[in-house]
């Protein structure tokens, strides 16, 4: 997150297998450049079938 720009990436996506990919996708979704300062949050999710 940076200001009002936020990108959320849900866990357990088969094509996203590294932390670097997760961060790159979340920053891209938020429109944040990797060389900007930003905050990152971690969360867990429960799946209900």
C-alpha atoms as a PDB file:
ATOM      1  CA  UNK A   1       0.000   0.000   0.000  1.00  0.00           C
ATOM      2  CA  UNK A   2       1.065   3.531  -0.662  1.00  0.00           C
ATOM      3  CA  UNK A   3      -1.538   6.119   0.206  1.00  0.00           C
ATOM      4  CA  UNK A   4      -4.809   5.059  -1.404  1.00  0.00           C
ATOM      5  CA  UNK A   5      -3.142   2.604  -3.823  1.00  0.00           C
ATOM      6  CA  UNK A   6      -3.508  -1.025  -2.741  1.00  0.00           C
ATOM      7  CA  UNK A   7      -3.033  -4.393  -4.355  1.00  0.00           C
ATOM      8  CA  UNK A   8      -4.340  -7.606  -2.812  1.00  0.00           C
ATOM      9  CA  UNK A   9      -3.181 -11.042  -3.834  1.00  0.00           C
ATOM     10  CA  UNK A  10      -4.972 -14.049  -2.373  1.00  0.00           C
ATOM     11  CA  UNK A  11      -2.882 -17.032  -1.258  1.00  0.00           C
ATOM     12  CA  UNK A  12      -2.564 -20.462  -2.879  1.00  0.00           C
ATOM     13  CA  UNK A  13      -2.508 -19.432  -6.532  1.00  0.00           C
ATOM     14  CA  UNK A  14      -0.833 -22.250  -8.458  1.00  0.00           C
ATOM     15  CA  UNK A  15       1.037 -19.978 -10.893  1.00  0.00           C
ATOM     16  CA  UNK A  16       2.452 -17.786  -8.102  1.00  0.00           C
ATOM     17  CA  UNK A  17       5.134 -19.922  -6.492  1.00  0.00           C
ATOM     18  CA  UNK A  18       7.634 -17.409  -5.062  1.00  0.00           C
ATOM     19  CA  UNK A  19       7.535 -14.435  -2.724  1.00  0.00           C
ATOM     20  CA  UNK A  20       9.081 -12.288  -5.452  1.00  0.00           C
ATOM     21  CA  UNK A  21       6.219 -13.105  -7.853  1.00  0.00           C
ATOM     22  CA  UNK A  22       3.641 -12.362  -5.148  1.00  0.00           C
ATOM     23  CA  UNK A  23       5.168  -8.965  -4.421  1.00  0.00           C
ATOM     24  CA  UNK A  24       5.587  -8.076  -8.103  1.00  0.00           C
ATOM     25  CA  UNK A  25       1.934  -8.882  -8.875  1.00  0.00           C
ATOM     26  CA  UNK A  26       0.595  -7.025  -5.811  1.00  0.00           C
ATOM     27  CA  UNK A  27       2.637  -3.912  -6.647  1.00  0.00           C
ATOM     28  CA  UNK A  28       1.524  -4.047 -10.283  1.00  0.00           C
ATOM     29  CA  UNK A  29      -2.145  -4.350  -9.252  1.00  0.00           C
ATOM     30  CA  UNK A  30      -1.726  -1.297  -7.001  1.00  0.00           C
ATOM     31  CA  UNK A  31       0.157   0.756  -9.576  1.00  0.00           C
ATOM     32  CA  UNK A  32       3.172   1.049  -7.287  1.00  0.00           C
ATOM     33  CA  UNK A  33       6.705   1.019  -8.671  1.00  0.00           C
ATOM     34  CA  UNK A  34       9.086  -1.445  -6.962  1.00  0.00           C
ATOM     35  CA  UNK A  35      11.509   1.399  -6.173  1.00  0.00           C
ATOM     36  CA  UNK A  36       8.866   3.459  -4.316  1.00  0.00           C
ATOM     37  CA  UNK A  37       8.412   3.213  -0.563  1.00  0.00           C
ATOM     38  CA  UNK A  38       5.363   1.125   0.337  1.00  0.00           C
ATOM     39  CA  UNK A  39       3.819  -0.854   3.187  1.00  0.00           C
ATOM     40  CA  UNK A  40       3.158  -4.560   2.897  1.00  0.00           C
ATOM     41  CA  UNK A  41       0.734  -6.565   5.023  1.00  0.00           C
ATOM     42  CA  UNK A  42       0.406 -10.286   5.490  1.00  0.00           C
ATOM     43  CA  UNK A  43      -2.818 -12.158   6.156  1.00  0.00           C
ATOM     44  CA  UNK A  44      -4.282 -15.644   6.172  1.00  0.00           C
ATOM     45  CA  UNK A  45      -7.439 -16.855   4.504  1.00  0.00           C
ATOM     46  CA  UNK A  46      -9.878 -19.660   5.257  1.00  0.00           C
ATOM     47  CA  UNK A  47     -11.450 -21.612   2.431  1.00  0.00           C
ATOM     48  CA  UNK A  48     -14.961 -22.960   2.794  1.00  0.00           C
ATOM     49  CA  UNK A  49     -16.032 -25.648   0.372  1.00  0.00           C
END
